[in-house]
């Protein structure tokens, strides 16, 4: 790059501007003349040095700095990252697109590096889908002083520099010149590819071992990670929109017990948010974070294996017939869910949401959101406390008819603003973190806020059960609660959730689950009297997963279909007579 030949002219003009301040200083900055290829090279080096600390750190873990090969390996990784981003920019950049494309990438990369560095997230397709589906209140909680300072350093300043760049272009007035420019670009692309290949070959054994054993680290290469993930998400969305969801459970029908039911039956399925088994009081946590539930003594499943580490993955998976054991994201997103099978059998389903939506599960079913209901004293700034999910439960029970399933999607322990998930009366563990930016609190304060949010979840669930008990003479009711995924609270330097499943810590994949049943529910379900609670308690001592939820709900409601698997129905030991059972198809 070279300074503009008329630099003195620009400085003179700046000096002649009336007044002082930012405008005069800005015009005093010299214009830099550079070719598209030169800007590409600078951007690639800038990102290699500023945006890939997490990737370099992950690849260097376990290598001794005293070993000369470590430095060779680190250098090869830097060359690989630099050449990769040069290759990407050379594909996207031209004299017309260079500045706008690079401007967008600079800002996006600054955001990506902040959240990667702060919370340890990996920007794989699942995480990017979470980002794209983040609602306004959730996004607002992620914005703070630290993010603003990071953006000034890694977005605003580079953009100011980019604005002072004047691209030097070559004339393309003839076919020969156009061909020469095309060949030049192809040559540079080939050179970038050769540097990438050479960087890998330089330390091939170490690199191949990394990709074989820790292939998730590729989602730390920024900005290539979010560009790739965005392409994957876009392709999946296009394929999904091009075809309707595959129908499942077409043979679903009511079981024999439906004919004998004398009262309405209501099953409440509460989907928890970010509650991890490690902090669940009923499961032996050092703190009693579930005192009200402990007094009720529901069936507690201490450790349930979650389908995923984010709502975007877990929610569709936990309501699919095939969950984590044979996980196929495309198949799960491309077919109907438990809600559709229940509705097909004649169950009235309703989804009430206090979070970021049902991820497509409830699109064709009745439902509502808590915030528009604006329950008094529970809502502010576009968010509502979870008691809003049950604020009209008595009226709904009084109006219930037939067999119904109410799905309640909690805000729960959604981070990082745990302190916003509970009222002051539940701020029992002190001092609690009162910051949206977790870096402004120590781990003990963060855990205190998280545990206070669990106390409030305990209260909401206990209150729901109390409302169901109060209508025991009118409605046969039951409640199932299970969290969608867990959370990291500083272990291994990680916070929040969304780690790739293969390397996710147990605190993100082990969640709590409880079940409570009213006195008449067993009889109404056609289950053997006195069998259900002991059978579930026995099952709780074994391995339970989200995979059981689909089939257990069908069993509890006595909905018969060939897609149900008896081995995954936790109520199956109490079912009198034969039931339909088949492999998932």
Protein backbone atom coordinates (compact mmCIF):
# COMPACT_ATOMS: atom_id res chain seq x y z
CA UNK A 1 0.00 0.00 0.00
CA UNK A 2 1.10 3.62 -0.60
CA UNK A 3 -0.10 6.98 0.62
CA UNK A 4 -2.15 8.98 -1.84
CA UNK A 5 0.01 11.25 -4.02
CA UNK A 6 -2.14 14.24 -3.09
CA UNK A 7 -1.83 13.67 0.64
CA UNK A 8 -0.67 17.24 1.18
CA UNK A 9 -3.73 18.51 -0.63
CA UNK A 10 -6.03 16.48 1.64
CA UNK A 11 -4.24 17.76 4.73
CA UNK A 12 -4.47 21.35 3.51
CA UNK A 13 -8.18 20.99 2.87
CA UNK A 14 -8.68 19.52 6.33
CA UNK A 15 -6.80 22.42 7.88
CA UNK A 16 -9.01 24.92 6.06
CA UNK A 17 -12.24 23.46 7.45
CA UNK A 18 -13.80 25.98 9.83
CA UNK A 19 -13.82 24.94 13.46
CA UNK A 20 -12.15 22.11 15.19
CA UNK A 21 -13.22 18.63 16.13
CA UNK A 22 -13.85 15.22 14.73
CA UNK A 23 -14.62 16.31 11.19
CA UNK A 24 -11.38 18.22 10.76
CA UNK A 25 -9.33 15.47 12.34
CA UNK A 26 -11.07 12.89 10.21
CA UNK A 27 -10.29 14.68 6.96
CA UNK A 28 -6.71 15.03 8.07
CA UNK A 29 -6.25 11.26 7.95
CA UNK A 30 -4.54 10.38 4.68
CA UNK A 31 -6.27 8.34 2.01
CA UNK A 32 -4.59 4.99 1.35
CA UNK A 33 -4.44 3.65 -2.19
CA UNK A 34 -4.51 -0.15 -2.42
CA UNK A 35 -5.58 -2.88 -4.80
CA UNK A 36 -8.34 -5.34 -3.99
CA UNK A 37 -5.74 -8.07 -3.52
CA UNK A 38 -3.74 -5.97 -1.08
CA UNK A 39 -6.84 -5.28 1.03
CA UNK A 40 -7.63 -8.99 1.00
CA UNK A 41 -4.16 -9.82 2.26
CA UNK A 42 -4.31 -7.27 5.09
CA UNK A 43 -7.78 -8.44 6.16
CA UNK A 44 -6.69 -12.09 6.16
CA UNK A 45 -3.65 -11.34 8.32
CA UNK A 46 -5.72 -9.12 10.64
CA UNK A 47 -8.25 -11.89 11.27
CA UNK A 48 -5.56 -14.51 11.74
CA UNK A 49 -3.96 -12.43 14.50
CA UNK A 50 -7.06 -10.89 16.12
CA UNK A 51 -9.99 -13.26 15.58
CA UNK A 52 -8.53 -16.72 16.05
CA UNK A 53 -7.11 -16.78 19.54
CA UNK A 54 -9.61 -19.49 20.54
CA UNK A 55 -8.69 -21.68 17.56
CA UNK A 56 -4.94 -21.31 18.02
CA UNK A 57 -5.33 -21.93 21.76
CA UNK A 58 -7.36 -25.10 21.15
CA UNK A 59 -4.91 -26.45 18.58
CA UNK A 60 -1.89 -25.73 20.77
CA UNK A 61 -3.35 -27.33 23.89
CA UNK A 62 -1.11 -30.15 25.04
CA UNK A 63 1.93 -28.92 23.08
CA UNK A 64 5.00 -27.79 25.03
CA UNK A 65 6.34 -24.34 24.22
CA UNK A 66 9.83 -25.66 24.88
CA UNK A 67 9.50 -27.97 21.88
CA UNK A 68 10.63 -26.44 18.58
CA UNK A 69 7.95 -28.42 16.72
CA UNK A 70 5.29 -26.57 18.71
CA UNK A 71 6.35 -23.28 17.17
CA UNK A 72 6.39 -24.82 13.71
CA UNK A 73 2.90 -26.21 14.32
CA UNK A 74 1.60 -22.86 15.57
CA UNK A 75 3.04 -21.08 12.55
CA UNK A 76 1.46 -23.58 10.18
CA UNK A 77 -1.93 -23.01 11.84
CA UNK A 78 -1.59 -19.24 11.41
CA UNK A 79 -0.66 -19.72 7.74
CA UNK A 80 -3.63 -22.03 7.28
CA UNK A 81 -6.07 -19.54 8.79
CA UNK A 82 -4.60 -16.63 6.82
CA UNK A 83 -4.69 -18.48 3.50
CA UNK A 84 -8.21 -19.78 4.15
CA UNK A 85 -9.63 -16.30 4.69
CA UNK A 86 -7.69 -14.91 1.77
CA UNK A 87 -9.24 -17.63 -0.38
CA UNK A 88 -12.75 -16.80 0.87
CA UNK A 89 -12.33 -13.07 0.31
CA UNK A 90 -10.89 -13.60 -3.15
CA UNK A 91 -14.06 -15.51 -4.04
CA UNK A 92 -16.31 -12.74 -2.71
CA UNK A 93 -14.36 -9.56 -3.43
CA UNK A 94 -14.27 -7.42 -6.53
CA UNK A 95 -13.80 -3.73 -7.15
CA UNK A 96 -17.56 -3.29 -6.56
CA UNK A 97 -18.09 -5.65 -3.63
CA UNK A 98 -14.82 -5.33 -1.70
CA UNK A 99 -15.78 -2.57 0.72
CA UNK A 100 -19.38 -3.57 1.50
CA UNK A 101 -18.53 -7.27 1.89
CA UNK A 102 -15.50 -6.59 4.05
CA UNK A 103 -17.42 -4.06 6.11
CA UNK A 104 -20.15 -6.57 6.95
CA UNK A 105 -17.59 -9.27 7.73
CA UNK A 106 -15.58 -6.98 9.99
CA UNK A 107 -18.65 -6.21 12.13
CA UNK A 108 -19.90 -9.82 12.16
CA UNK A 109 -16.45 -11.11 13.06
CA UNK A 110 -16.16 -8.65 15.93
CA UNK A 111 -19.44 -9.95 17.38
CA UNK A 112 -18.35 -13.57 16.80
CA UNK A 113 -14.99 -13.16 18.53
CA UNK A 114 -16.60 -11.47 21.52
CA UNK A 115 -19.02 -14.30 22.23
CA UNK A 116 -16.48 -16.99 21.42
CA UNK A 117 -13.95 -15.45 23.75
CA UNK A 118 -16.40 -14.55 26.52
CA UNK A 119 -18.55 -17.66 26.70
CA UNK A 120 -16.50 -20.29 24.86
CA UNK A 121 -19.16 -20.92 22.20
CA UNK A 122 -18.52 -22.75 18.93
CA UNK A 123 -20.23 -21.20 15.92
CA UNK A 124 -21.45 -24.44 14.35
CA UNK A 125 -24.76 -24.58 12.41
CA UNK A 126 -26.80 -25.28 15.56
CA UNK A 127 -25.35 -22.29 17.38
CA UNK A 128 -25.82 -20.04 14.37
CA UNK A 129 -29.45 -21.12 14.16
CA UNK A 130 -29.79 -20.10 17.80
CA UNK A 131 -28.30 -16.72 16.96
CA UNK A 132 -30.66 -16.17 14.04
CA UNK A 133 -33.67 -17.03 16.20
CA UNK A 134 -32.68 -14.82 19.13
CA UNK A 135 -35.52 -12.47 20.04
CA UNK A 136 -35.16 -8.78 20.89
CA UNK A 137 -35.34 -9.09 24.70
CA UNK A 138 -32.74 -11.86 24.66
CA UNK A 139 -30.45 -9.89 22.37
CA UNK A 140 -30.80 -6.82 24.58
CA UNK A 141 -29.48 -8.77 27.56
CA UNK A 142 -26.31 -9.66 25.66
CA UNK A 143 -25.38 -6.05 24.95
CA UNK A 144 -23.14 -4.36 27.49
CA UNK A 145 -20.16 -2.09 28.04
CA UNK A 146 -17.62 -4.83 27.40
CA UNK A 147 -19.22 -5.69 24.06
CA UNK A 148 -19.25 -2.01 23.09
CA UNK A 149 -15.55 -1.62 23.88
CA UNK A 150 -14.77 -4.80 21.93
CA UNK A 151 -16.71 -3.50 18.92
CA UNK A 152 -14.89 -0.17 19.02
CA UNK A 153 -11.53 -1.92 18.89
CA UNK A 154 -12.30 -4.71 16.43
CA UNK A 155 -15.07 -3.20 14.28
CA UNK A 156 -15.23 0.58 14.45
CA UNK A 157 -11.49 1.25 14.09
CA UNK A 158 -11.04 -1.22 11.19
CA UNK A 159 -14.09 0.30 9.48
CA UNK A 160 -12.62 3.78 9.84
CA UNK A 161 -9.42 2.55 8.27
CA UNK A 162 -11.34 0.81 5.48
CA UNK A 163 -13.24 4.02 4.73
CA UNK A 164 -9.93 5.78 4.05
CA UNK A 165 -8.88 3.14 1.54
CA UNK A 166 -9.18 4.07 -2.12
CA UNK A 167 -9.21 0.99 -4.30
CA UNK A 168 -6.81 1.03 -7.22
CA UNK A 169 -8.55 -0.60 -10.15
CA UNK A 170 -7.31 -1.70 -13.52
CA UNK A 171 -9.26 -0.86 -16.69
CA UNK A 172 -11.34 -3.69 -18.14
CA UNK A 173 -12.11 -2.04 -21.45
CA UNK A 174 -11.27 -5.05 -23.59
CA UNK A 175 -11.84 -8.79 -23.52
CA UNK A 176 -8.09 -9.32 -23.23
CA UNK A 177 -7.84 -7.19 -20.08
CA UNK A 178 -10.87 -8.92 -18.61
CA UNK A 179 -9.32 -12.32 -19.27
CA UNK A 180 -6.05 -11.19 -17.72
CA UNK A 181 -7.86 -10.05 -14.57
CA UNK A 182 -9.71 -13.36 -14.38
CA UNK A 183 -6.49 -15.36 -14.73
CA UNK A 184 -4.82 -13.19 -12.11
CA UNK A 185 -7.62 -13.92 -9.66
CA UNK A 186 -7.45 -17.64 -10.43
CA UNK A 187 -3.71 -17.57 -9.83
CA UNK A 188 -4.18 -15.93 -6.43
CA UNK A 189 -6.88 -18.43 -5.52
CA UNK A 190 -4.57 -21.25 -6.48
CA UNK A 191 -1.74 -19.73 -4.48
CA UNK A 192 -4.00 -19.48 -1.40
CA UNK A 193 -5.03 -23.11 -1.81
CA UNK A 194 -1.37 -24.14 -2.11
CA UNK A 195 -0.47 -22.28 1.09
CA UNK A 196 -3.36 -24.02 2.89
CA UNK A 197 -2.20 -27.41 1.65
CA UNK A 198 1.40 -26.65 2.52
CA UNK A 199 0.46 -25.53 6.04
CA UNK A 200 -1.36 -28.80 6.64
CA UNK A 201 1.44 -30.93 5.17
CA UNK A 202 4.06 -29.10 7.21
CA UNK A 203 2.69 -30.75 10.35
CA UNK A 204 0.40 -33.34 8.83
CA UNK A 205 0.52 -35.85 11.67
CA UNK A 206 -0.42 -33.30 14.33
CA UNK A 207 -3.05 -31.71 12.07
CA UNK A 208 -4.69 -35.01 11.09
CA UNK A 209 -4.78 -36.06 14.74
CA UNK A 210 -6.49 -32.78 15.62
CA UNK A 211 -9.13 -33.16 12.92
CA UNK A 212 -9.73 -36.78 13.87
CA UNK A 213 -10.02 -36.29 17.61
CA UNK A 214 -11.18 -32.68 17.92
CA UNK A 215 -12.86 -31.91 14.63
CA UNK A 216 -15.18 -29.45 16.40
CA UNK A 217 -12.31 -26.94 16.67
CA UNK A 218 -12.85 -26.03 13.03
CA UNK A 219 -15.87 -24.06 14.26
CA UNK A 220 -13.46 -21.74 16.07
CA UNK A 221 -11.84 -20.52 12.82
CA UNK A 222 -13.34 -17.05 12.48
CA UNK A 223 -14.94 -15.77 10.24
CA UNK A 224 -14.92 -19.00 8.21
CA UNK A 225 -16.94 -20.72 10.96
CA UNK A 226 -20.03 -18.55 10.79
CA UNK A 227 -19.86 -18.21 7.00
CA UNK A 228 -19.88 -21.99 6.62
CA UNK A 229 -22.57 -22.44 9.26
CA UNK A 230 -24.72 -19.74 7.68
CA UNK A 231 -24.51 -21.57 4.36
CA UNK A 232 -25.49 -24.86 5.99
CA UNK A 233 -28.46 -23.28 7.79
CA UNK A 234 -29.61 -21.52 4.63
CA UNK A 235 -29.39 -24.73 2.60
CA UNK A 236 -31.32 -26.67 5.24
CA UNK A 237 -33.98 -23.97 5.39
CA UNK A 238 -34.41 -23.98 1.63
CA UNK A 239 -34.71 -27.77 1.55
CA UNK A 240 -37.13 -27.73 4.46
CA UNK A 241 -39.32 -25.05 2.87
CA UNK A 242 -39.39 -26.96 -0.41
CA UNK A 243 -41.20 -29.94 1.02
CA UNK A 244 -43.90 -30.46 3.65
CA UNK A 245 -43.15 -32.24 6.91
CA UNK A 246 -43.36 -36.00 6.66
CA UNK A 247 -46.44 -37.30 8.43
CA UNK A 248 -45.85 -39.82 11.24
CA UNK A 249 -48.18 -41.90 13.36
CA UNK A 250 -50.93 -41.95 10.73
CA UNK A 251 -52.51 -44.88 12.58
CA UNK A 252 -52.68 -43.03 15.92
CA UNK A 253 -55.95 -43.70 17.74
CA UNK A 254 -57.36 -43.70 21.29
CA UNK A 255 -56.77 -46.77 23.43
CA UNK A 256 -59.52 -48.71 25.25
CA UNK A 257 -59.28 -46.57 28.41
CA UNK A 258 -60.73 -43.58 26.59
CA UNK A 259 -64.18 -45.18 26.57
CA UNK A 260 -64.19 -45.49 30.35
CA UNK A 261 -63.06 -41.94 31.13
CA UNK A 262 -65.68 -40.09 33.11
CA UNK A 263 -63.90 -36.78 33.59
CA UNK A 264 -61.62 -34.54 31.55
CA UNK A 265 -57.96 -35.60 31.48
CA UNK A 266 -55.21 -32.96 31.36
CA UNK A 267 -51.50 -33.69 31.04
CA UNK A 268 -49.29 -30.64 31.57
CA UNK A 269 -45.87 -30.98 29.92
CA UNK A 270 -43.52 -28.26 31.15
CA UNK A 271 -40.41 -27.75 29.04
CA UNK A 272 -37.72 -26.28 31.28
CA UNK A 273 -34.98 -24.00 30.03
CA UNK A 274 -31.29 -24.40 30.85
CA UNK A 275 -31.86 -26.24 34.14
CA UNK A 276 -28.95 -28.59 34.77
CA UNK A 277 -29.13 -31.74 36.86
CA UNK A 278 -26.01 -30.81 38.85
CA UNK A 279 -27.85 -27.98 40.65
CA UNK A 280 -31.23 -29.68 41.10
CA UNK A 281 -32.09 -29.93 44.80
CA UNK A 282 -34.17 -33.11 44.49
CA UNK A 283 -31.16 -34.88 43.02
CA UNK A 284 -28.81 -34.31 45.96
CA UNK A 285 -27.31 -30.89 45.21
CA UNK A 286 -25.66 -29.39 48.29
CA UNK A 287 -28.19 -26.54 48.24
CA UNK A 288 -31.90 -27.18 48.39
CA UNK A 289 -32.98 -25.43 45.21
CA UNK A 290 -36.28 -27.33 45.06
CA UNK A 291 -37.80 -27.04 48.58
CA UNK A 292 -41.42 -26.81 47.49
CA UNK A 293 -41.18 -29.81 45.19
CA UNK A 294 -39.42 -31.74 47.96
CA UNK A 295 -42.53 -31.27 50.09
CA UNK A 296 -44.72 -32.61 47.26
CA UNK A 297 -42.35 -35.54 46.53
CA UNK A 298 -42.97 -36.13 42.80
CA UNK A 299 -41.09 -38.86 40.98
CA UNK A 300 -37.64 -37.40 40.40
CA UNK A 301 -35.31 -38.51 37.62
CA UNK A 302 -31.90 -37.35 38.87
CA UNK A 303 -30.06 -37.38 35.58
CA UNK A 304 -31.70 -37.32 32.16
CA UNK A 305 -29.56 -37.31 29.01
CA UNK A 306 -30.57 -34.37 26.84
CA UNK A 307 -30.93 -34.48 23.05
CA UNK A 308 -28.74 -31.44 22.57
CA UNK A 309 -27.02 -28.52 24.23
CA UNK A 310 -29.31 -25.80 22.88
CA UNK A 311 -33.04 -25.21 22.59
CA UNK A 312 -32.75 -25.13 18.82
CA UNK A 313 -31.53 -28.74 18.81
CA UNK A 314 -33.17 -30.23 21.89
CA UNK A 315 -36.73 -29.04 21.44
CA UNK A 316 -37.44 -30.70 18.07
CA UNK A 317 -35.41 -33.76 19.15
CA UNK A 318 -37.19 -34.42 22.46
CA UNK A 319 -40.58 -34.46 20.74
CA UNK A 320 -39.43 -36.77 17.93
CA UNK A 321 -39.86 -40.58 17.92
CA UNK A 322 -36.13 -41.05 17.35
CA UNK A 323 -34.08 -38.84 19.62
CA UNK A 324 -30.39 -38.77 20.37
CA UNK A 325 -29.83 -42.50 20.03
CA UNK A 326 -30.19 -42.32 16.24
CA UNK A 327 -29.86 -38.59 15.81
CA UNK A 328 -30.61 -37.24 12.36
CA UNK A 329 -31.27 -33.51 12.40
CA UNK A 330 -32.60 -33.36 8.86
CA UNK A 331 -35.05 -36.20 9.50
CA UNK A 332 -36.24 -34.70 12.80
CA UNK A 333 -36.83 -31.27 11.31
CA UNK A 334 -38.44 -32.76 8.24
CA UNK A 335 -41.15 -34.74 10.00
CA UNK A 336 -44.09 -34.18 12.30
CA UNK A 337 -43.74 -34.27 16.07
CA UNK A 338 -45.44 -35.65 19.15
CA UNK A 339 -47.98 -32.82 18.98
CA UNK A 340 -49.18 -33.99 15.57
CA UNK A 341 -49.49 -37.62 16.63
CA UNK A 342 -51.48 -36.65 19.72
CA UNK A 343 -53.79 -34.40 17.72
CA UNK A 344 -54.32 -37.16 15.17
CA UNK A 345 -55.56 -39.44 17.96
CA UNK A 346 -58.04 -36.85 19.18
CA UNK A 347 -56.03 -35.16 21.94
CA UNK A 348 -56.52 -31.39 22.19
CA UNK A 349 -53.02 -29.88 22.29
CA UNK A 350 -52.08 -26.32 23.20
CA UNK A 351 -48.63 -24.68 23.31
CA UNK A 352 -47.97 -21.68 25.56
CA UNK A 353 -44.56 -20.06 25.15
CA UNK A 354 -42.54 -17.81 27.42
CA UNK A 355 -39.34 -18.09 25.45
CA UNK A 356 -38.12 -17.86 21.87
CA UNK A 357 -40.79 -20.05 20.28
CA UNK A 358 -41.52 -23.71 19.68
CA UNK A 359 -39.00 -24.15 16.81
CA UNK A 360 -41.75 -25.17 14.40
CA UNK A 361 -43.36 -27.81 16.63
CA UNK A 362 -46.55 -25.89 17.33
CA UNK A 363 -47.00 -24.01 14.06
CA UNK A 364 -50.14 -25.94 13.08
CA UNK A 365 -51.63 -26.16 16.57
CA UNK A 366 -53.42 -23.78 18.95
CA UNK A 367 -51.11 -21.78 21.15
CA UNK A 368 -50.26 -18.42 22.65
CA UNK A 369 -47.42 -16.46 24.21
CA UNK A 370 -47.21 -15.21 27.77
CA UNK A 371 -46.09 -11.65 27.05
CA UNK A 372 -49.27 -10.51 25.19
CA UNK A 373 -51.35 -11.84 28.10
CA UNK A 374 -49.56 -9.21 30.22
CA UNK A 375 -50.23 -10.85 33.57
CA UNK A 376 -50.23 -8.15 36.31
CA UNK A 377 -46.93 -7.83 38.13
CA UNK A 378 -45.19 -10.47 36.00
CA UNK A 379 -44.15 -8.67 32.82
CA UNK A 380 -41.78 -5.82 32.01
CA UNK A 381 -39.50 -4.80 29.13
CA UNK A 382 -40.93 -7.46 26.82
CA UNK A 383 -40.22 -10.34 29.24
CA UNK A 384 -42.50 -12.13 31.68
CA UNK A 385 -41.76 -14.28 34.69
CA UNK A 386 -42.73 -17.94 34.31
CA UNK A 387 -45.73 -17.67 36.62
CA UNK A 388 -47.41 -16.11 33.60
CA UNK A 389 -47.57 -19.61 32.11
CA UNK A 390 -50.01 -20.75 34.81
CA UNK A 391 -51.75 -17.51 35.83
CA UNK A 392 -55.11 -18.67 34.34
CA UNK A 393 -54.72 -22.40 34.97
CA UNK A 394 -57.77 -22.64 37.26
CA UNK A 395 -60.04 -21.18 34.56
CA UNK A 396 -58.56 -23.47 31.93
CA UNK A 397 -59.11 -26.53 34.14
CA UNK A 398 -62.70 -25.53 34.79
CA UNK A 399 -63.31 -25.30 31.04
CA UNK A 400 -61.41 -28.51 30.13
CA UNK A 401 -63.17 -31.21 28.13
CA UNK A 402 -62.00 -34.56 26.81
CA UNK A 403 -58.28 -35.37 26.77
CA UNK A 404 -55.88 -32.45 26.60
CA UNK A 405 -52.12 -31.83 26.70
CA UNK A 406 -50.85 -28.39 27.62
CA UNK A 407 -47.24 -27.66 26.68
CA UNK A 408 -45.68 -24.86 28.73
CA UNK A 409 -42.31 -23.59 27.47
CA UNK A 410 -40.48 -21.81 30.30
CA UNK A 411 -37.97 -18.97 30.25
CA UNK A 412 -36.42 -20.81 33.20
CA UNK A 413 -32.69 -20.27 33.69
CA UNK A 414 -31.93 -18.72 30.34
CA UNK A 415 -28.62 -16.90 30.62
CA UNK A 416 -26.67 -14.81 30.90
CA UNK A 417 -29.13 -12.63 32.84
CA UNK A 418 -30.14 -15.21 35.44
CA UNK A 419 -31.12 -12.47 37.90
CA UNK A 420 -33.92 -11.38 35.57
CA UNK A 421 -35.60 -14.80 35.79
CA UNK A 422 -36.87 -14.50 39.38
CA UNK A 423 -38.55 -11.87 41.59
CA UNK A 424 -36.75 -10.40 44.57
CA UNK A 425 -38.50 -12.78 46.97
CA UNK A 426 -36.45 -15.65 45.50
CA UNK A 427 -33.04 -13.96 45.73
CA UNK A 428 -32.13 -16.29 48.60
CA UNK A 429 -28.53 -17.08 47.72
CA UNK A 430 -26.39 -13.98 48.09
CA UNK A 431 -24.57 -12.14 46.70
CA UNK A 432 -26.11 -12.88 43.31
CA UNK A 433 -24.79 -11.63 39.99
CA UNK A 434 -26.82 -8.61 38.89
CA UNK A 435 -25.09 -8.07 35.58
CA UNK A 436 -25.98 -9.02 32.02
CA UNK A 437 -22.24 -9.34 31.35
CA UNK A 438 -21.08 -12.36 33.35
CA UNK A 439 -17.47 -11.18 33.24
CA UNK A 440 -18.38 -8.48 35.75
CA UNK A 441 -19.21 -11.14 38.37
CA UNK A 442 -17.23 -13.92 39.99
CA UNK A 443 -18.28 -17.55 39.62
CA UNK A 444 -19.83 -17.72 43.11
CA UNK A 445 -22.13 -14.79 42.32
CA UNK A 446 -23.11 -16.34 38.99
CA UNK A 447 -23.96 -19.66 40.66
CA UNK A 448 -26.01 -17.84 43.31
CA UNK A 449 -28.10 -16.12 40.62
CA UNK A 450 -28.49 -19.38 38.71
CA UNK A 451 -29.63 -21.24 41.85
CA UNK A 452 -32.10 -18.46 42.68
CA UNK A 453 -33.63 -18.95 39.24
CA UNK A 454 -33.98 -22.67 40.02
CA UNK A 455 -35.75 -21.76 43.27
CA UNK A 456 -38.26 -19.84 41.22
CA UNK A 457 -38.72 -22.72 38.78
CA UNK A 458 -39.39 -24.91 41.81
CA UNK A 459 -42.07 -22.43 42.93
CA UNK A 460 -43.73 -22.29 39.51
CA UNK A 461 -43.89 -26.09 39.24
CA UNK A 462 -45.17 -26.48 42.81
CA UNK A 463 -47.81 -23.81 42.16
CA UNK A 464 -48.94 -25.60 39.00
CA UNK A 465 -49.24 -28.89 40.88
CA UNK A 466 -51.23 -27.14 43.62
CA UNK A 467 -53.66 -25.80 41.04
CA UNK A 468 -54.05 -29.29 39.54
CA UNK A 469 -54.65 -30.76 43.00
CA UNK A 470 -57.30 -28.16 43.71
CA UNK A 471 -59.32 -29.42 40.73
CA UNK A 472 -58.78 -33.11 41.52
CA UNK A 473 -62.51 -33.67 41.89
CA UNK A 474 -63.18 -32.37 38.39
CA UNK A 475 -60.12 -33.24 36.28
CA UNK A 476 -57.74 -36.21 36.16
CA UNK A 477 -54.40 -34.45 35.83
CA UNK A 478 -50.67 -35.06 35.69
CA UNK A 479 -47.57 -32.94 35.22
CA UNK A 480 -44.26 -33.77 33.53
CA UNK A 481 -41.34 -31.38 33.74
CA UNK A 482 -38.06 -31.82 31.87
CA UNK A 483 -35.38 -29.30 30.95
CA UNK A 484 -34.21 -28.96 27.36
CA UNK A 485 -30.48 -28.75 28.10
CA UNK A 486 -28.05 -27.77 30.83
CA UNK A 487 -25.59 -24.93 31.38
CA UNK A 488 -21.93 -24.25 32.07
CA UNK A 489 -21.25 -21.95 35.00
CA UNK A 490 -17.52 -21.41 34.68
CA UNK A 491 -16.30 -25.02 34.65
CA UNK A 492 -13.29 -25.29 32.33
CA UNK A 493 -13.72 -21.58 31.64
CA UNK A 494 -17.04 -22.17 29.86
CA UNK A 495 -20.31 -20.31 30.35
CA UNK A 496 -23.83 -20.68 28.95
CA UNK A 497 -24.48 -23.62 26.59
CA UNK A 498 -24.46 -24.69 22.96
CA UNK A 499 -21.17 -26.60 22.83
CA UNK A 500 -20.96 -29.22 20.07
CA UNK A 501 -22.51 -32.35 21.57
CA UNK A 502 -19.44 -34.53 21.08
CA UNK A 503 -17.31 -32.35 23.33
CA UNK A 504 -19.96 -30.79 25.55
CA UNK A 505 -19.44 -31.19 29.31
CA UNK A 506 -21.98 -33.21 31.28
CA UNK A 507 -23.41 -30.07 32.88
CA UNK A 508 -24.77 -29.11 29.45
CA UNK A 509 -26.19 -32.55 28.58
CA UNK A 510 -27.58 -33.80 31.93
CA UNK A 511 -30.92 -32.31 32.96
CA UNK A 512 -33.59 -32.88 35.62
CA UNK A 513 -37.04 -34.36 35.10
CA UNK A 514 -40.00 -34.89 37.44
CA UNK A 515 -43.44 -36.47 37.11
CA UNK A 516 -46.49 -35.90 39.30
CA UNK A 517 -49.86 -37.65 39.01
CA UNK A 518 -53.25 -36.86 40.45
CA UNK A 519 -55.19 -39.58 42.27
CA UNK A 520 -57.42 -40.48 39.33
CA UNK A 521 -54.85 -40.37 36.55
CA UNK A 522 -53.80 -44.05 36.69
CA UNK A 523 -57.36 -45.27 36.46
CA UNK A 524 -58.22 -42.87 33.63
CA UNK A 525 -55.12 -43.98 31.70
CA UNK A 526 -56.00 -47.65 32.01
CA UNK A 527 -52.88 -48.34 34.07
CA UNK A 528 -52.69 -50.90 36.85
CA UNK A 529 -53.65 -49.28 40.15
CA UNK A 530 -50.74 -48.52 42.45
CA UNK A 531 -48.16 -49.48 39.82
CA UNK A 532 -47.12 -46.23 38.17
CA UNK A 533 -45.18 -44.49 40.93
CA UNK A 534 -43.07 -47.55 41.89
CA UNK A 535 -42.42 -48.33 38.21
CA UNK A 536 -41.24 -44.80 37.50
CA UNK A 537 -39.13 -44.73 40.65
CA UNK A 538 -37.45 -47.93 39.47
CA UNK A 539 -36.86 -46.43 36.02
CA UNK A 540 -35.37 -43.30 37.62
CA UNK A 541 -32.57 -45.42 39.07
CA UNK A 542 -31.48 -46.38 35.57
CA UNK A 543 -30.58 -44.46 32.42
CA UNK A 544 -33.31 -42.12 31.22
CA UNK A 545 -33.08 -39.76 28.26
CA UNK A 546 -35.10 -37.28 26.25
CA UNK A 547 -35.63 -40.26 23.95
CA UNK A 548 -38.17 -41.63 26.46
CA UNK A 549 -40.41 -38.55 26.43
CA UNK A 550 -42.23 -39.11 23.12
CA UNK A 551 -43.15 -42.70 23.88
CA UNK A 552 -43.94 -42.17 27.57
CA UNK A 553 -46.42 -39.38 26.84
CA UNK A 554 -48.19 -41.65 24.35
CA UNK A 555 -48.28 -44.39 26.99
CA UNK A 556 -49.59 -42.14 29.76
CA UNK A 557 -52.44 -40.97 27.55
CA UNK A 558 -53.11 -44.44 26.12
CA UNK A 559 -52.62 -43.30 22.54
CA UNK A 560 -51.98 -46.33 20.32
CA UNK A 561 -49.79 -46.17 17.22
CA UNK A 562 -47.30 -48.39 15.49
CA UNK A 563 -44.64 -45.72 15.82
CA UNK A 564 -44.59 -46.11 19.60
CA UNK A 565 -41.79 -48.15 21.14
CA UNK A 566 -42.82 -50.00 24.29
CA UNK A 567 -39.22 -50.25 25.49
CA UNK A 568 -39.05 -46.45 25.73
CA UNK A 569 -42.43 -46.00 27.43
CA UNK A 570 -41.68 -45.59 31.14
CA UNK A 571 -45.31 -46.41 31.98
CA UNK A 572 -45.29 -49.68 30.02
CA UNK A 573 -44.86 -52.00 33.05
CA UNK A 574 -48.23 -50.78 34.32
CA UNK A 575 -50.20 -51.22 31.11
CA UNK A 576 -52.78 -53.98 31.35
CA UNK A 577 -53.17 -56.09 28.22
CA UNK A 578 -51.31 -55.87 24.91
CA UNK A 579 -50.21 -52.57 23.40
CA UNK A 580 -49.18 -51.71 19.90
CA UNK A 581 -45.44 -51.63 19.58
CA UNK A 582 -43.21 -51.41 16.57
CA UNK A 583 -39.89 -50.13 15.48
CA UNK A 584 -39.79 -46.48 14.59
CA UNK A 585 -40.27 -46.18 10.91
